[in-house]
Amino acid sequence: MPIDLTVVGLRWLQFVSAVVALGLPLFQAFGLSEPGPQYPGRAPVIAGLALAVTAVGGLLAQTAMMAGGWAAVLDPAALGYVVQSTGLGIAHVVRAGLAMLGVAALFFAWRRKSGGIVAILAFAGAVASFAWSGHGAASEGAIGLWHLAADIAHALAACVWLGALAGFCLQLFRPATQAADLAVRSLARFASIGTVAVAVLVITGLINAAFLIGAEGLGHVPGSTWGLLLIAKLALFAVMFALAAHNRLTLTPALSHAVEARADTANVVRRLRTSIGLEMLAGLALLGLVAAMGVQMPPASM
């Protein structure tokens, strides 16, 4: 497989793993899962391990890409240079270490409140490291800190939204009666959280666009690979927003009325499964576009 495609694939796997690893513990911390203290299950533990492994794999692939061949992966000098002398290499190492810390906290100490906090903070740090190894760290000077902060906030907000979708999928793919009781409460509670996450995504997305495109780069957007990927990303974001609005304004009230009336909830649950499933698939595809954008040159750099 070509090195650049390997880099994109490993970036996408890291994004997906981070969404699950951070998103599901947050889903529980926000009170969106079943009442009472619980272990969050295997999914975030497996996702955390996958994040650590793919971060190491991403480091090797990035080293090969920078050196121009896979032989550099076996060269200690080349690897040492990337790890010690580049922000990208340091970010991958930090990401892998924080992912393992999060896994350890989940595995050994989740039932203690401090364990859950440590896991969330560790995975949040791992997510923040994506900005450190991406375009968000390219801006220089004091203003560059604003770009980096916006990129970090953008990544964290995406994990809140997509992680919640993963949690809703786990809830809805249960027997209809049990799924209805859980989902009607969780969806109602997530309404304000989701609104804040979308607002943060929009605001930070505009800030990032200002840095990566700029006024002079607007004309280069339709003619560049990065720009075309951005257009596709915005189209998928619009699809996700429309599905989320449909869930909140139509399907969630319908499910609430069905539960209160003790009517048959199977049809509404089935429609929610389809809608949230499509929203999750669109989110995964969007992460793939973001992974590909990371190896392309934005218009402001042309």
Protein backbone atom coordinates (compact mmCIF):
# COMPACT_ATOMS: atom_id res chain seq x y z
CA MET A 1 0.00 0.00 0.00
CA PRO A 2 1.32 3.51 -0.80
CA ILE A 3 2.74 5.32 2.21
CA ASP A 4 0.37 8.30 1.96
CA LEU A 5 -2.71 6.04 1.93
CA THR A 6 -1.34 4.16 4.94
CA VAL A 7 -0.90 7.45 6.79
CA VAL A 8 -4.47 8.48 5.99
CA GLY A 9 -5.85 5.09 7.00
CA LEU A 10 -4.02 5.11 10.32
CA ARG A 11 -5.12 8.69 10.99
CA TRP A 12 -8.73 7.63 10.39
CA LEU A 13 -8.38 4.64 12.73
CA GLN A 14 -6.90 6.91 15.40
CA PHE A 15 -9.82 9.34 15.04
CA VAL A 16 -12.41 6.56 15.30
CA SER A 17 -10.66 4.96 18.27
CA ALA A 18 -10.42 8.31 20.06
CA VAL A 19 -14.12 9.02 19.51
CA VAL A 20 -15.10 5.76 21.19
CA ALA A 21 -12.42 5.86 23.91
CA LEU A 22 -13.33 9.39 25.04
CA GLY A 23 -16.94 9.57 23.89
CA LEU A 24 -18.36 6.57 25.76
CA PRO A 25 -16.91 7.51 29.18
CA LEU A 26 -18.21 11.04 28.62
CA PHE A 27 -21.58 9.57 27.66
CA GLN A 28 -21.71 7.93 31.07
CA ALA A 29 -20.28 10.93 32.91
CA PHE A 30 -23.01 13.14 31.42
CA GLY A 31 -25.60 10.79 32.91
CA LEU A 32 -26.79 9.52 29.54
CA SER A 33 -26.39 5.80 30.25
CA GLU A 34 -28.21 3.58 32.74
CA PRO A 35 -28.61 5.00 36.25
CA GLY A 36 -26.11 3.98 38.89
CA PRO A 37 -22.34 3.34 38.87
CA GLN A 38 -21.25 1.01 36.06
CA TYR A 39 -18.18 -0.20 34.31
CA PRO A 40 -18.31 1.37 30.83
CA GLY A 41 -17.84 -1.96 29.06
CA ARG A 42 -15.21 -3.35 26.72
CA ALA A 43 -15.68 -0.84 23.91
CA PRO A 44 -13.71 2.13 25.34
CA VAL A 45 -10.98 -0.19 26.65
CA ILE A 46 -10.57 -1.81 23.24
CA ALA A 47 -10.74 1.62 21.58
CA GLY A 48 -8.06 2.98 23.90
CA LEU A 49 -5.77 0.07 23.09
CA ALA A 50 -6.47 0.56 19.39
CA LEU A 51 -5.63 4.26 19.72
CA ALA A 52 -2.28 3.44 21.32
CA VAL A 53 -1.41 0.85 18.66
CA THR A 54 -2.48 3.01 15.71
CA ALA A 55 -0.62 6.01 17.17
CA VAL A 56 2.58 3.95 17.10
CA GLY A 57 1.71 2.73 13.61
CA GLY A 58 1.04 6.31 12.55
CA LEU A 59 4.45 7.36 13.86
CA LEU A 60 6.14 4.66 11.77
CA ALA A 61 4.13 5.56 8.66
CA GLN A 62 4.84 9.28 9.08
CA THR A 63 8.54 8.51 9.46
CA ALA A 64 8.46 6.51 6.24
CA MET A 65 6.58 9.33 4.50
CA MET A 66 9.07 11.96 5.64
CA ALA A 67 12.07 9.81 4.64
CA GLY A 68 10.58 8.73 1.33
CA GLY A 69 10.47 4.98 1.93
CA TRP A 70 9.52 2.19 4.32
CA ALA A 71 13.18 1.41 4.97
CA ALA A 72 13.28 4.37 7.37
CA VAL A 73 11.02 2.45 9.75
CA LEU A 74 13.95 0.12 10.47
CA ASP A 75 16.44 2.98 10.85
CA PRO A 76 16.82 3.95 14.54
CA ALA A 77 18.36 7.27 13.55
CA ALA A 78 15.39 8.24 11.39
CA LEU A 79 12.87 7.20 14.04
CA GLY A 80 14.87 8.93 16.76
CA TYR A 81 14.94 12.16 14.78
CA VAL A 82 11.16 12.16 14.23
CA VAL A 83 10.42 11.33 17.87
CA GLN A 84 12.87 13.77 19.40
CA SER A 85 12.98 16.65 16.94
CA THR A 86 9.51 17.03 15.41
CA GLY A 87 6.23 18.06 17.01
CA LEU A 88 4.48 15.42 14.93
CA GLY A 89 6.62 12.62 16.36
CA ILE A 90 6.33 13.86 19.95
CA ALA A 91 2.54 14.13 19.55
CA HIS A 92 2.27 10.49 18.44
CA VAL A 93 4.34 9.28 21.40
CA VAL A 94 2.33 11.38 23.86
CA ARG A 95 -0.92 10.15 22.28
CA ALA A 96 0.05 6.51 22.68
CA GLY A 97 1.12 7.07 26.29
CA LEU A 98 -2.06 8.93 27.24
CA ALA A 99 -4.18 6.26 25.55
CA MET A 100 -2.53 3.57 27.67
CA LEU A 101 -3.01 5.67 30.80
CA GLY A 102 -6.70 5.99 29.96
CA VAL A 103 -7.00 2.23 29.43
CA ALA A 104 -5.30 1.56 32.77
CA ALA A 105 -7.67 3.95 34.53
CA LEU A 106 -10.71 2.29 32.92
CA PHE A 107 -9.48 -1.21 33.58
CA PHE A 108 -8.33 -0.87 37.15
CA ALA A 109 -10.18 2.02 38.74
CA TRP A 110 -13.40 2.92 36.92
CA ARG A 111 -15.62 2.13 39.91
CA ARG A 112 -13.74 4.80 41.81
CA LYS A 113 -14.71 8.30 40.76
CA SER A 114 -11.08 9.32 40.45
CA GLY A 115 -10.46 6.50 37.96
CA GLY A 116 -13.18 7.76 35.65
CA ILE A 117 -11.83 11.32 35.82
CA VAL A 118 -8.30 10.14 35.05
CA ALA A 119 -9.52 8.13 32.05
CA ILE A 120 -11.49 11.05 30.62
CA LEU A 121 -8.60 13.49 31.11
CA ALA A 122 -6.10 11.05 29.59
CA PHE A 123 -8.23 10.41 26.50
CA ALA A 124 -9.02 14.13 26.20
CA GLY A 125 -5.27 14.80 26.18
CA ALA A 126 -4.82 12.17 23.49
CA VAL A 127 -7.51 13.86 21.39
CA ALA A 128 -5.88 17.27 21.93
CA SER A 129 -2.62 15.86 20.56
CA PHE A 130 -4.24 15.57 17.10
CA ALA A 131 -4.11 19.37 16.87
CA TRP A 132 -0.45 19.28 17.89
CA SER A 133 0.37 16.96 14.99
CA GLY A 134 -1.90 18.61 12.41
CA HIS A 135 -2.49 21.91 10.65
CA GLY A 136 -3.54 23.49 13.97
CA ALA A 137 0.10 23.63 15.06
CA ALA A 138 1.33 25.19 11.81
CA SER A 139 0.56 28.82 12.67
CA GLU A 140 3.41 30.68 14.33
CA GLY A 141 3.56 33.32 17.02
CA ALA A 142 1.04 34.25 19.68
CA ILE A 143 -1.85 34.12 17.22
CA GLY A 144 -0.89 30.54 16.49
CA LEU A 145 -1.99 29.62 20.01
CA TRP A 146 -5.52 30.70 19.09
CA HIS A 147 -5.42 28.41 16.07
CA LEU A 148 -4.14 25.52 18.18
CA ALA A 149 -6.77 26.13 20.88
CA ALA A 150 -9.54 26.26 18.27
CA ASP A 151 -8.33 23.01 16.71
CA ILE A 152 -8.26 21.29 20.12
CA ALA A 153 -11.78 22.53 20.98
CA HIS A 154 -12.97 21.37 17.54
CA ALA A 155 -11.63 17.86 18.10
CA LEU A 156 -13.07 17.59 21.61
CA ALA A 157 -16.51 18.80 20.49
CA ALA A 158 -16.47 16.23 17.67
CA CYS A 159 -15.74 13.49 20.21
CA VAL A 160 -18.67 14.62 22.37
CA TRP A 161 -21.09 14.46 19.41
CA LEU A 162 -19.82 11.28 17.74
CA GLY A 163 -19.18 9.57 21.08
CA ALA A 164 -22.79 10.23 22.07
CA LEU A 165 -23.94 8.71 18.77
CA ALA A 166 -21.91 5.60 19.60
CA GLY A 167 -23.61 5.48 23.01
CA PHE A 168 -27.06 5.87 21.49
CA CYS A 169 -26.31 3.08 19.01
CA LEU A 170 -25.41 0.75 21.89
CA GLN A 171 -28.65 1.68 23.65
CA LEU A 172 -30.95 1.41 20.66
CA PHE A 173 -29.71 -1.96 19.45
CA ARG A 174 -31.42 -3.69 22.38
CA PRO A 175 -34.94 -5.07 22.74
CA ALA A 176 -37.36 -2.30 21.73
CA THR A 177 -38.97 -1.80 25.15
CA GLN A 178 -35.64 -1.55 26.99
CA ALA A 179 -34.15 0.64 24.26
CA ALA A 180 -37.13 3.01 24.37
CA ASP A 181 -36.93 3.56 28.12
CA LEU A 182 -33.19 4.29 27.95
CA ALA A 183 -33.22 6.37 24.78
CA VAL A 184 -36.10 8.67 25.67
CA ARG A 185 -34.27 9.83 28.79
CA SER A 186 -30.81 9.96 27.20
CA LEU A 187 -31.89 11.83 24.06
CA ALA A 188 -33.71 14.46 26.10
CA ARG A 189 -30.68 15.01 28.34
CA PHE A 190 -28.30 15.20 25.40
CA ALA A 191 -30.27 17.98 23.67
CA SER A 192 -28.48 20.87 25.38
CA ILE A 193 -25.10 19.11 25.34
CA GLY A 194 -25.44 18.43 21.62
CA THR A 195 -26.40 22.04 20.93
CA VAL A 196 -23.27 23.28 22.68
CA ALA A 197 -21.09 20.73 20.83
CA VAL A 198 -22.48 21.82 17.44
CA ALA A 199 -22.02 25.49 18.31
CA VAL A 200 -18.39 24.86 19.29
CA LEU A 201 -17.83 22.92 16.06
CA VAL A 202 -19.20 25.74 13.93
CA ILE A 203 -17.31 28.53 15.72
CA THR A 204 -13.98 26.69 15.84
CA GLY A 205 -14.47 25.49 12.28
CA LEU A 206 -14.77 29.11 11.12
CA ILE A 207 -11.64 30.04 13.08
CA ASN A 208 -9.70 27.16 11.55
CA ALA A 209 -10.92 28.10 8.08
CA ALA A 210 -9.71 31.66 8.60
CA PHE A 211 -6.21 30.35 9.34
CA LEU A 212 -6.09 27.60 6.73
CA ILE A 213 -7.81 29.42 3.86
CA GLY A 214 -7.61 33.15 4.47
CA ALA A 215 -9.14 35.81 2.26
CA GLU A 216 -6.56 35.32 -0.47
CA GLY A 217 -6.99 31.56 -0.50
CA LEU A 218 -10.76 31.47 -1.10
CA GLY A 219 -10.23 31.28 -4.84
CA HIS A 220 -8.02 28.20 -4.45
CA VAL A 221 -10.62 26.16 -2.52
CA PRO A 222 -12.53 24.65 -5.50
CA GLY A 223 -9.32 23.87 -7.37
CA SER A 224 -7.37 22.15 -4.61
CA THR A 225 -7.64 18.64 -3.22
CA TRP A 226 -7.83 20.04 0.32
CA GLY A 227 -10.62 22.39 -0.74
CA LEU A 228 -12.65 19.63 -2.41
CA LEU A 229 -12.30 17.50 0.70
CA LEU A 230 -13.47 20.47 2.78
CA ILE A 231 -16.56 20.88 0.59
CA ALA A 232 -17.35 17.18 0.98
CA LYS A 233 -16.82 17.48 4.75
CA LEU A 234 -19.24 20.40 4.97
CA ALA A 235 -21.80 18.45 2.96
CA LEU A 236 -21.57 15.51 5.37
CA PHE A 237 -21.77 17.89 8.32
CA ALA A 238 -25.00 19.29 6.84
CA VAL A 239 -26.39 15.76 6.51
CA MET A 240 -25.50 14.98 10.13
CA PHE A 241 -27.04 18.25 11.32
CA ALA A 242 -30.26 17.52 9.41
CA LEU A 243 -30.47 14.01 10.87
CA ALA A 244 -29.76 15.33 14.38
CA ALA A 245 -32.49 17.96 14.00
CA HIS A 246 -34.93 15.29 12.78
CA ASN A 247 -34.06 13.11 15.77
CA ARG A 248 -34.49 15.94 18.25
CA LEU A 249 -37.59 17.63 16.81
CA THR A 250 -39.51 14.66 15.44
CA LEU A 251 -38.38 11.22 16.58
CA THR A 252 -37.51 11.99 20.22
CA PRO A 253 -40.92 13.62 20.94
CA ALA A 254 -42.64 10.73 19.16
CA LEU A 255 -40.77 8.20 21.29
CA SER A 256 -41.55 10.16 24.46
CA HIS A 257 -45.26 10.23 23.65
CA ALA A 258 -45.26 6.51 22.87
CA VAL A 259 -43.54 5.67 26.16
CA GLU A 260 -45.89 7.91 28.18
CA ALA A 261 -48.93 6.42 26.48
CA ARG A 262 -47.53 2.91 26.95
CA ALA A 263 -48.03 2.36 23.24
CA ASP A 264 -45.99 0.15 20.92
CA THR A 265 -42.56 1.77 20.68
CA ALA A 266 -41.02 -0.69 18.22
CA ASN A 267 -41.73 1.44 15.14
CA VAL A 268 -40.27 4.65 16.62
CA VAL A 269 -37.23 2.78 17.97
CA ARG A 270 -36.67 1.28 14.52
CA ARG A 271 -36.80 4.74 12.92
CA LEU A 272 -34.38 6.08 15.54
CA ARG A 273 -32.00 3.19 14.91
CA THR A 274 -32.00 4.00 11.21
CA SER A 275 -31.58 7.75 11.67
CA ILE A 276 -28.86 7.60 14.33
CA GLY A 277 -27.12 4.78 12.46
CA LEU A 278 -27.01 6.93 9.31
CA GLU A 279 -25.78 9.89 11.37
CA MET A 280 -23.01 7.73 12.82
CA LEU A 281 -22.01 6.43 9.37
CA ALA A 282 -21.88 9.99 8.04
CA GLY A 283 -19.68 10.92 11.01
CA LEU A 284 -17.29 8.07 10.32
CA ALA A 285 -17.06 9.09 6.67
CA LEU A 286 -16.45 12.68 7.75
CA LEU A 287 -13.54 11.53 9.94
CA GLY A 288 -12.11 9.82 6.86
CA LEU A 289 -12.22 13.12 4.97
CA VAL A 290 -10.52 14.89 7.88
CA ALA A 291 -7.81 12.21 7.88
CA ALA A 292 -7.21 12.81 4.17
CA MET A 293 -7.19 16.61 4.62
CA GLY A 294 -4.35 16.26 7.11
CA VAL A 295 -1.90 15.18 4.39
CA GLN A 296 -2.97 17.85 1.87
CA MET A 297 -1.80 21.43 1.64
CA PRO A 298 -4.48 24.01 2.60
CA PRO A 299 -4.93 27.10 0.38
CA ALA A 300 -3.22 29.44 2.88
CA SER A 301 0.00 27.41 2.49
CA MET A 302 0.01 27.51 -1.32
